[in-house]
Amino acid sequence: MDLFITYEDYTENNASIRYNRELAAEYMKYLRQMQEDFGLDDDIRVSTLSRYPEVFSMEEQNIDEEELWKELQKAIQGAAEGFVQTRIAEGEHLKEDLIDKLDGMLKLVDFITERSPQIVQEYRQKLEDKVKDLLGDAQVDESRLLTEVTIFADKVCVDEELVRLRSHIETTKKTLQEGGSIGRKLDFIAQEMNREANTTLSKSNDLEISNCAIELKTEIEKVREQIQNIE
């Protein structure tokens, strides 16, 4: 934060006349000396003497810096205290909003975690029904069926991504509660969360999970934008 103070005095009393008594006395001494030396009339007047150089001079009044600082200090201190209080209040609101968003993200992760096993079961049932339709009363090769289901389950499995994503969310919440200079750390964690959400979306073969993953990415982006306001 930079602070610039410009002082301008618009009053009419910023200058004064200075009377140099010692110099005027010097002029008088030599004028009288000249009177005696040359037998001149003593016609010295105040108006005449006042015109001599430096008898009267204009000078700017010195600024009372201590008095000026007293007024400035009140304003600066009040502004600084207000600034700090505003930052504290804004920080608390920001923390609360971020935690609310993170809790919402955890709910999305919970949904995907619960939904993922159901996808495999639904895929098995669809595959089994399709095979029965094709083979009729012929015996279904359970081994072959199990192999296909296993391949599908491995392809769509996002267990590791969800574990890491949940860990990142919890770490972010904990870091927010601890406070301090956490901006860069949270920005890095947000990037990691986005990476896990992208992987989850790319592996998804289910509309509901895809929608959740997209919503996760949206919320993560909101969190990242707000994190830019944290030191």
C-alpha atoms as a PDB file:
ATOM      1  CA  MET A   1       0.000   0.000   0.000  1.00  0.00           C
ATOM      2  CA  ASP A   2       1.346   3.426  -0.962  1.00  0.00           C
ATOM      3  CA  LEU A   3       0.363   6.649   0.783  1.00  0.00           C
ATOM      4  CA  PHE A   4       0.867  10.078  -0.782  1.00  0.00           C
ATOM      5  CA  ILE A   5       0.219  13.333   1.098  1.00  0.00           C
ATOM      6  CA  THR A   6       0.114  16.696  -0.673  1.00  0.00           C
ATOM      7  CA  TYR A   7      -0.007  19.883   1.414  1.00  0.00           C
ATOM      8  CA  GLU A   8      -1.143  23.198  -0.018  1.00  0.00           C
ATOM      9  CA  ASP A   9      -1.809  26.301   2.085  1.00  0.00           C
ATOM     10  CA  TYR A  10      -4.632  28.359   0.584  1.00  0.00           C
ATOM     11  CA  THR A  11      -4.824  30.858   3.443  1.00  0.00           C
ATOM     12  CA  GLU A  12      -3.770  34.499   3.037  1.00  0.00           C
ATOM     13  CA  ASN A  13      -1.575  34.438   6.130  1.00  0.00           C
ATOM     14  CA  ASN A  14       1.161  32.229   4.774  1.00  0.00           C
ATOM     15  CA  ALA A  15       3.637  35.145   4.573  1.00  0.00           C
ATOM     16  CA  SER A  16       4.751  37.895   7.020  1.00  0.00           C
ATOM     17  CA  ILE A  17       6.840  41.079   7.057  1.00  0.00           C
ATOM     18  CA  ARG A  18      10.156  40.918   8.859  1.00  0.00           C
ATOM     19  CA  TYR A  19      11.621  44.109  10.344  1.00  0.00           C
ATOM     20  CA  ASN A  20      15.435  44.023  10.520  1.00  0.00           C
ATOM     21  CA  ARG A  21      16.096  46.399  13.405  1.00  0.00           C
ATOM     22  CA  GLU A  22      19.836  45.748  13.478  1.00  0.00           C
ATOM     23  CA  LEU A  23      20.201  46.602   9.804  1.00  0.00           C
ATOM     24  CA  ALA A  24      18.079  49.765  10.180  1.00  0.00           C
ATOM     25  CA  ALA A  25      20.334  50.838  13.063  1.00  0.00           C
ATOM     26  CA  GLU A  26      23.359  50.336  10.826  1.00  0.00           C
ATOM     27  CA  TYR A  27      21.777  52.540   8.140  1.00  0.00           C
ATOM     28  CA  MET A  28      21.041  55.250  10.729  1.00  0.00           C
ATOM     29  CA  LYS A  29      24.576  55.147  12.110  1.00  0.00           C
ATOM     30  CA  TYR A  30      26.131  55.683   8.706  1.00  0.00           C
ATOM     31  CA  LEU A  31      23.586  58.291   7.624  1.00  0.00           C
ATOM     32  CA  ARG A  32      24.396  60.381  10.706  1.00  0.00           C
ATOM     33  CA  GLN A  33      28.085  59.824  10.054  1.00  0.00           C
ATOM     34  CA  MET A  34      27.531  61.200   6.540  1.00  0.00           C
ATOM     35  CA  GLN A  35      25.613  64.169   8.033  1.00  0.00           C
ATOM     36  CA  GLU A  36      28.541  65.039  10.278  1.00  0.00           C
ATOM     37  CA  ASP A  37      31.182  64.396   7.616  1.00  0.00           C
ATOM     38  CA  PHE A  38      29.539  66.574   4.972  1.00  0.00           C
ATOM     39  CA  GLY A  39      27.475  69.011   7.046  1.00  0.00           C
ATOM     40  CA  LEU A  40      24.169  67.827   5.621  1.00  0.00           C
ATOM     41  CA  ASP A  41      20.657  68.472   6.961  1.00  0.00           C
ATOM     42  CA  ASP A  42      19.111  65.741   9.080  1.00  0.00           C
ATOM     43  CA  ASP A  43      16.123  64.906   6.867  1.00  0.00           C
ATOM     44  CA  ILE A  44      15.871  61.213   7.618  1.00  0.00           C
ATOM     45  CA  ARG A  45      12.283  60.010   7.769  1.00  0.00           C
ATOM     46  CA  VAL A  46      10.821  56.638   8.652  1.00  0.00           C
ATOM     47  CA  SER A  47       9.334  56.312   5.172  1.00  0.00           C
ATOM     48  CA  THR A  48      12.760  56.919   3.674  1.00  0.00           C
ATOM     49  CA  LEU A  49      14.572  54.513   5.926  1.00  0.00           C
ATOM     50  CA  SER A  50      11.964  51.803   5.349  1.00  0.00           C
ATOM     51  CA  ARG A  51      12.814  51.776   1.636  1.00  0.00           C
ATOM     52  CA  TYR A  52      16.398  50.802   2.233  1.00  0.00           C
ATOM     53  CA  PRO A  53      17.212  47.229   1.167  1.00  0.00           C
ATOM     54  CA  GLU A  54      16.385  44.485   3.663  1.00  0.00           C
ATOM     55  CA  VAL A  55      15.014  46.800   6.343  1.00  0.00           C
ATOM     56  CA  PHE A  56      11.663  45.210   5.619  1.00  0.00           C
ATOM     57  CA  SER A  57      11.454  41.832   3.922  1.00  0.00           C
ATOM     58  CA  MET A  58       8.742  39.337   3.133  1.00  0.00           C
ATOM     59  CA  GLU A  59       9.165  35.822   4.401  1.00  0.00           C
ATOM     60  CA  GLU A  60       7.004  32.738   4.378  1.00  0.00           C
ATOM     61  CA  GLN A  61       5.788  31.527   7.711  1.00  0.00           C
ATOM     62  CA  ASN A  62       7.250  28.234   8.812  1.00  0.00           C
ATOM     63  CA  ILE A  63       4.810  25.339   8.873  1.00  0.00           C
ATOM     64  CA  ASP A  64       4.266  23.897  12.308  1.00  0.00           C
ATOM     65  CA  GLU A  65       5.011  20.313  11.268  1.00  0.00           C
ATOM     66  CA  GLU A  66       4.217  18.872  14.680  1.00  0.00           C
ATOM     67  CA  GLU A  67       0.782  20.466  14.691  1.00  0.00           C
ATOM     68  CA  LEU A  68       0.214  19.398  11.101  1.00  0.00           C
ATOM     69  CA  TRP A  69       1.259  15.817  11.909  1.00  0.00           C
ATOM     70  CA  LYS A  70      -1.222  15.651  14.801  1.00  0.00           C
ATOM     71  CA  GLU A  71      -4.072  16.231  12.363  1.00  0.00           C
ATOM     72  CA  LEU A  72      -2.613  13.925   9.753  1.00  0.00           C
ATOM     73  CA  GLN A  73      -1.966  11.190  12.278  1.00  0.00           C
ATOM     74  CA  LYS A  74      -5.626  11.119  13.309  1.00  0.00           C
ATOM     75  CA  ALA A  75      -6.764  10.719   9.709  1.00  0.00           C
ATOM     76  CA  ILE A  76      -4.108   8.152   8.793  1.00  0.00           C
ATOM     77  CA  GLN A  77      -4.606   6.089  11.926  1.00  0.00           C
ATOM     78  CA  GLY A  78      -8.373   6.114  11.470  1.00  0.00           C
ATOM     79  CA  ALA A  79      -8.045   5.064   7.834  1.00  0.00           C
ATOM     80  CA  ALA A  80      -5.518   2.324   8.673  1.00  0.00           C
ATOM     81  CA  GLU A  81      -7.655   0.917  11.474  1.00  0.00           C
ATOM     82  CA  GLY A  82     -10.733   0.994   9.262  1.00  0.00           C
ATOM     83  CA  PHE A  83      -8.772  -0.690   6.470  1.00  0.00           C
ATOM     84  CA  VAL A  84      -7.620  -3.496   8.770  1.00  0.00           C
ATOM     85  CA  GLN A  85     -11.091  -4.044  10.196  1.00  0.00           C
ATOM     86  CA  THR A  86     -12.574  -4.140   6.707  1.00  0.00           C
ATOM     87  CA  ARG A  87      -9.988  -6.693   5.596  1.00  0.00           C
ATOM     88  CA  ILE A  88     -10.710  -8.860   8.641  1.00  0.00           C
ATOM     89  CA  ALA A  89     -14.460  -8.725   8.038  1.00  0.00           C
ATOM     90  CA  GLU A  90     -14.048  -9.376   4.309  1.00  0.00           C
ATOM     91  CA  GLY A  91     -11.660 -12.247   5.054  1.00  0.00           C
ATOM     92  CA  GLU A  92     -14.160 -13.874   7.414  1.00  0.00           C
ATOM     93  CA  HIS A  93     -16.940 -13.593   4.836  1.00  0.00           C
ATOM     94  CA  LEU A  94     -14.658 -14.997   2.165  1.00  0.00           C
ATOM     95  CA  LYS A  95     -13.643 -17.908   4.395  1.00  0.00           C
ATOM     96  CA  GLU A  96     -17.268 -18.735   5.196  1.00  0.00           C
ATOM     97  CA  ASP A  97     -18.230 -18.617   1.523  1.00  0.00           C
ATOM     98  CA  LEU A  98     -15.294 -20.825   0.530  1.00  0.00           C
ATOM     99  CA  ILE A  99     -16.086 -23.381   3.223  1.00  0.00           C
ATOM    100  CA  ASP A 100     -19.724 -23.475   2.067  1.00  0.00           C
ATOM    101  CA  LYS A 101     -18.551 -24.126  -1.492  1.00  0.00           C
ATOM    102  CA  LEU A 102     -16.131 -26.826  -0.314  1.00  0.00           C
ATOM    103  CA  ASP A 103     -18.894 -28.539   1.689  1.00  0.00           C
ATOM    104  CA  GLY A 104     -21.035 -28.498  -1.437  1.00  0.00           C
ATOM    105  CA  MET A 105     -18.175 -30.091  -3.370  1.00  0.00           C
ATOM    106  CA  LEU A 106     -17.920 -32.842  -0.759  1.00  0.00           C
ATOM    107  CA  LYS A 107     -21.586 -33.648  -1.336  1.00  0.00           C
ATOM    108  CA  LEU A 108     -20.902 -33.994  -5.054  1.00  0.00           C
ATOM    109  CA  VAL A 109     -17.960 -36.300  -4.320  1.00  0.00           C
ATOM    110  CA  ASP A 110     -20.212 -38.359  -2.004  1.00  0.00           C
ATOM    111  CA  PHE A 111     -22.788 -38.699  -4.763  1.00  0.00           C
ATOM    112  CA  ILE A 112     -20.211 -39.901  -7.303  1.00  0.00           C
ATOM    113  CA  THR A 113     -18.773 -42.305  -4.720  1.00  0.00           C
ATOM    114  CA  GLU A 114     -22.233 -43.828  -4.129  1.00  0.00           C
ATOM    115  CA  ARG A 115     -23.205 -43.794  -7.777  1.00  0.00           C
ATOM    116  CA  SER A 116     -20.039 -45.429  -9.199  1.00  0.00           C
ATOM    117  CA  PRO A 117     -20.728 -49.025  -7.966  1.00  0.00           C
ATOM    118  CA  GLN A 118     -24.297 -48.776  -9.244  1.00  0.00           C
ATOM    119  CA  ILE A 119     -23.002 -48.068 -12.750  1.00  0.00           C
ATOM    120  CA  VAL A 120     -21.066 -51.318 -12.783  1.00  0.00           C
ATOM    121  CA  GLN A 121     -24.125 -53.252 -11.565  1.00  0.00           C
ATOM    122  CA  GLU A 122     -26.341 -51.593 -14.159  1.00  0.00           C
ATOM    123  CA  TYR A 123     -23.785 -52.341 -16.884  1.00  0.00           C
ATOM    124  CA  ARG A 124     -23.668 -56.005 -15.830  1.00  0.00           C
ATOM    125  CA  GLN A 125     -27.445 -56.245 -15.893  1.00  0.00           C
ATOM    126  CA  LYS A 126     -27.691 -54.592 -19.316  1.00  0.00           C
ATOM    127  CA  LEU A 127     -24.951 -56.828 -20.693  1.00  0.00           C
ATOM    128  CA  GLU A 128     -26.591 -59.919 -19.272  1.00  0.00           C
ATOM    129  CA  ASP A 129     -30.004 -58.954 -20.652  1.00  0.00           C
ATOM    130  CA  LYS A 130     -28.492 -58.268 -24.067  1.00  0.00           C
ATOM    131  CA  VAL A 131     -26.698 -61.611 -24.168  1.00  0.00           C
ATOM    132  CA  LYS A 132     -29.874 -63.442 -23.166  1.00  0.00           C
ATOM    133  CA  ASP A 133     -31.772 -61.652 -25.904  1.00  0.00           C
ATOM    134  CA  LEU A 134     -29.184 -62.795 -28.423  1.00  0.00           C
ATOM    135  CA  LEU A 135     -28.734 -66.377 -27.172  1.00  0.00           C
ATOM    136  CA  GLY A 136     -32.250 -67.092 -26.009  1.00  0.00           C
ATOM    137  CA  ASP A 137     -32.298 -70.135 -23.716  1.00  0.00           C
ATOM    138  CA  ALA A 138     -28.607 -70.932 -24.298  1.00  0.00           C
ATOM    139  CA  GLN A 139     -26.320 -70.919 -21.299  1.00  0.00           C
ATOM    140  CA  VAL A 140     -24.660 -67.572 -20.559  1.00  0.00           C
ATOM    141  CA  ASP A 141     -20.887 -67.777 -20.203  1.00  0.00           C
ATOM    142  CA  GLU A 142     -20.503 -66.274 -16.701  1.00  0.00           C
ATOM    143  CA  SER A 143     -16.731 -66.194 -17.017  1.00  0.00           C
ATOM    144  CA  ARG A 144     -16.870 -64.164 -20.199  1.00  0.00           C
ATOM    145  CA  LEU A 145     -19.542 -61.929 -18.713  1.00  0.00           C
ATOM    146  CA  LEU A 146     -17.447 -61.346 -15.605  1.00  0.00           C
ATOM    147  CA  THR A 147     -14.437 -60.452 -17.731  1.00  0.00           C
ATOM    148  CA  GLU A 148     -16.378 -57.836 -19.678  1.00  0.00           C
ATOM    149  CA  VAL A 149     -17.786 -56.341 -16.489  1.00  0.00           C
ATOM    150  CA  THR A 150     -14.310 -56.232 -14.929  1.00  0.00           C
ATOM    151  CA  ILE A 151     -12.875 -54.442 -17.951  1.00  0.00           C
ATOM    152  CA  PHE A 152     -15.715 -51.911 -17.836  1.00  0.00           C
ATOM    153  CA  ALA A 153     -15.343 -51.396 -14.068  1.00  0.00           C
ATOM    154  CA  ASP A 154     -11.626 -50.788 -14.425  1.00  0.00           C
ATOM    155  CA  LYS A 155     -12.215 -48.336 -17.246  1.00  0.00           C
ATOM    156  CA  VAL A 156     -14.719 -46.196 -15.322  1.00  0.00           C
ATOM    157  CA  CYS A 157     -13.183 -46.567 -11.872  1.00  0.00           C
ATOM    158  CA  VAL A 158     -12.507 -43.191 -10.246  1.00  0.00           C
ATOM    159  CA  ASP A 159     -11.858 -44.364  -6.694  1.00  0.00           C
ATOM    160  CA  GLU A 160      -8.340 -42.933  -6.572  1.00  0.00           C
ATOM    161  CA  GLU A 161      -9.454 -39.618  -8.040  1.00  0.00           C
ATOM    162  CA  LEU A 162     -12.274 -39.312  -5.517  1.00  0.00           C
ATOM    163  CA  VAL A 163      -9.981 -40.133  -2.574  1.00  0.00           C
ATOM    164  CA  ARG A 164      -7.490 -37.468  -3.684  1.00  0.00           C
ATOM    165  CA  LEU A 165     -10.249 -34.983  -4.400  1.00  0.00           C
ATOM    166  CA  ARG A 166     -11.781 -35.479  -0.970  1.00  0.00           C
ATOM    167  CA  SER A 167      -8.345 -35.099   0.624  1.00  0.00           C
ATOM    168  CA  HIS A 168      -7.693 -31.845  -1.271  1.00  0.00           C
ATOM    169  CA  ILE A 169     -11.063 -30.423  -0.188  1.00  0.00           C
ATOM    170  CA  GLU A 170     -10.477 -31.295   3.466  1.00  0.00           C
ATOM    171  CA  THR A 171      -6.948 -29.867   3.312  1.00  0.00           C
ATOM    172  CA  THR A 172      -8.295 -26.617   1.857  1.00  0.00           C
ATOM    173  CA  LYS A 173     -10.861 -26.320   4.653  1.00  0.00           C
ATOM    174  CA  LYS A 174      -8.227 -26.989   7.301  1.00  0.00           C
ATOM    175  CA  THR A 175      -5.838 -24.466   5.762  1.00  0.00           C
ATOM    176  CA  LEU A 176      -8.559 -21.807   5.695  1.00  0.00           C
ATOM    177  CA  GLN A 177      -9.242 -22.360   9.389  1.00  0.00           C
ATOM    178  CA  GLU A 178      -5.538 -22.096  10.247  1.00  0.00           C
ATOM    179  CA  GLY A 179      -5.097 -18.795   8.388  1.00  0.00           C
ATOM    180  CA  GLY A 180      -1.784 -17.079   7.622  1.00  0.00           C
ATOM    181  CA  SER A 181      -0.164 -16.589   4.220  1.00  0.00           C
ATOM    182  CA  ILE A 182      -2.022 -19.380   2.443  1.00  0.00           C
ATOM    183  CA  GLY A 183      -2.905 -17.922  -0.963  1.00  0.00           C
ATOM    184  CA  ARG A 184      -0.294 -19.746  -3.045  1.00  0.00           C
ATOM    185  CA  LYS A 185      -0.821 -23.029  -1.229  1.00  0.00           C
ATOM    186  CA  LEU A 186      -4.569 -22.921  -1.823  1.00  0.00           C
ATOM    187  CA  ASP A 187      -4.094 -21.997  -5.472  1.00  0.00           C
ATOM    188  CA  PHE A 188      -1.877 -25.060  -5.955  1.00  0.00           C
ATOM    189  CA  ILE A 189      -4.424 -27.325  -4.217  1.00  0.00           C
ATOM    190  CA  ALA A 190      -7.205 -25.897  -6.393  1.00  0.00           C
ATOM    191  CA  GLN A 191      -5.207 -26.815  -9.506  1.00  0.00           C
ATOM    192  CA  GLU A 192      -4.878 -30.372  -8.187  1.00  0.00           C
ATOM    193  CA  MET A 193      -8.617 -30.549  -7.487  1.00  0.00           C
ATOM    194  CA  ASN A 194      -9.341 -29.424 -11.028  1.00  0.00           C
ATOM    195  CA  ARG A 195      -7.046 -32.120 -12.390  1.00  0.00           C
ATOM    196  CA  GLU A 196      -8.903 -34.846 -10.449  1.00  0.00           C
ATOM    197  CA  ALA A 197     -12.287 -33.497 -11.550  1.00  0.00           C
ATOM    198  CA  ASN A 198     -11.140 -33.521 -15.198  1.00  0.00           C
ATOM    199  CA  THR A 199     -10.016 -37.143 -14.913  1.00  0.00           C
ATOM    200  CA  THR A 200     -13.307 -38.111 -13.280  1.00  0.00           C
ATOM    201  CA  LEU A 201     -15.239 -36.464 -16.101  1.00  0.00           C
ATOM    202  CA  SER A 202     -13.118 -38.106 -18.797  1.00  0.00           C
ATOM    203  CA  LYS A 203     -13.718 -41.565 -17.307  1.00  0.00           C
ATOM    204  CA  SER A 204     -17.428 -41.059 -16.810  1.00  0.00           C
ATOM    205  CA  ASN A 205     -19.816 -43.233 -18.766  1.00  0.00           C
ATOM    206  CA  ASP A 206     -22.843 -42.042 -16.856  1.00  0.00           C
ATOM    207  CA  LEU A 207     -24.884 -38.871 -17.340  1.00  0.00           C
ATOM    208  CA  GLU A 208     -25.424 -38.248 -13.627  1.00  0.00           C
ATOM    209  CA  ILE A 209     -21.738 -38.585 -12.796  1.00  0.00           C
ATOM    210  CA  SER A 210     -20.810 -36.420 -15.791  1.00  0.00           C
ATOM    211  CA  ASN A 211     -23.156 -33.695 -14.582  1.00  0.00           C
ATOM    212  CA  CYS A 212     -21.674 -33.916 -11.083  1.00  0.00           C
ATOM    213  CA  ALA A 213     -18.134 -33.745 -12.447  1.00  0.00           C
ATOM    214  CA  ILE A 214     -19.043 -30.671 -14.512  1.00  0.00           C
ATOM    215  CA  GLU A 215     -20.588 -29.038 -11.444  1.00  0.00           C
ATOM    216  CA  LEU A 216     -17.431 -29.896  -9.494  1.00  0.00           C
ATOM    217  CA  LYS A 217     -15.272 -28.193 -12.108  1.00  0.00           C
ATOM    218  CA  THR A 218     -17.529 -25.121 -11.982  1.00  0.00           C
ATOM    219  CA  GLU A 219     -17.293 -24.888  -8.197  1.00  0.00           C
ATOM    220  CA  ILE A 220     -13.530 -25.437  -8.248  1.00  0.00           C
ATOM    221  CA  GLU A 221     -13.163 -22.556 -10.711  1.00  0.00           C
ATOM    222  CA  LYS A 222     -15.229 -20.319  -8.413  1.00  0.00           C
ATOM    223  CA  VAL A 223     -12.989 -21.292  -5.508  1.00  0.00           C
ATOM    224  CA  ARG A 224      -9.862 -20.554  -7.550  1.00  0.00           C
ATOM    225  CA  GLU A 225     -11.151 -17.097  -8.458  1.00  0.00           C
ATOM    226  CA  GLN A 226     -11.827 -16.271  -4.811  1.00  0.00           C
ATOM    227  CA  ILE A 227      -8.463 -17.666  -3.720  1.00  0.00           C
ATOM    228  CA  GLN A 228      -6.801 -14.939  -5.824  1.00  0.00           C
ATOM    229  CA  ASN A 229      -7.987 -12.484  -3.154  1.00  0.00           C
ATOM    230  CA  ILE A 230      -6.122 -14.338  -0.397  1.00  0.00           C
ATOM    231  CA  GLU A 231      -2.507 -13.529   0.442  1.00  0.00           C
END
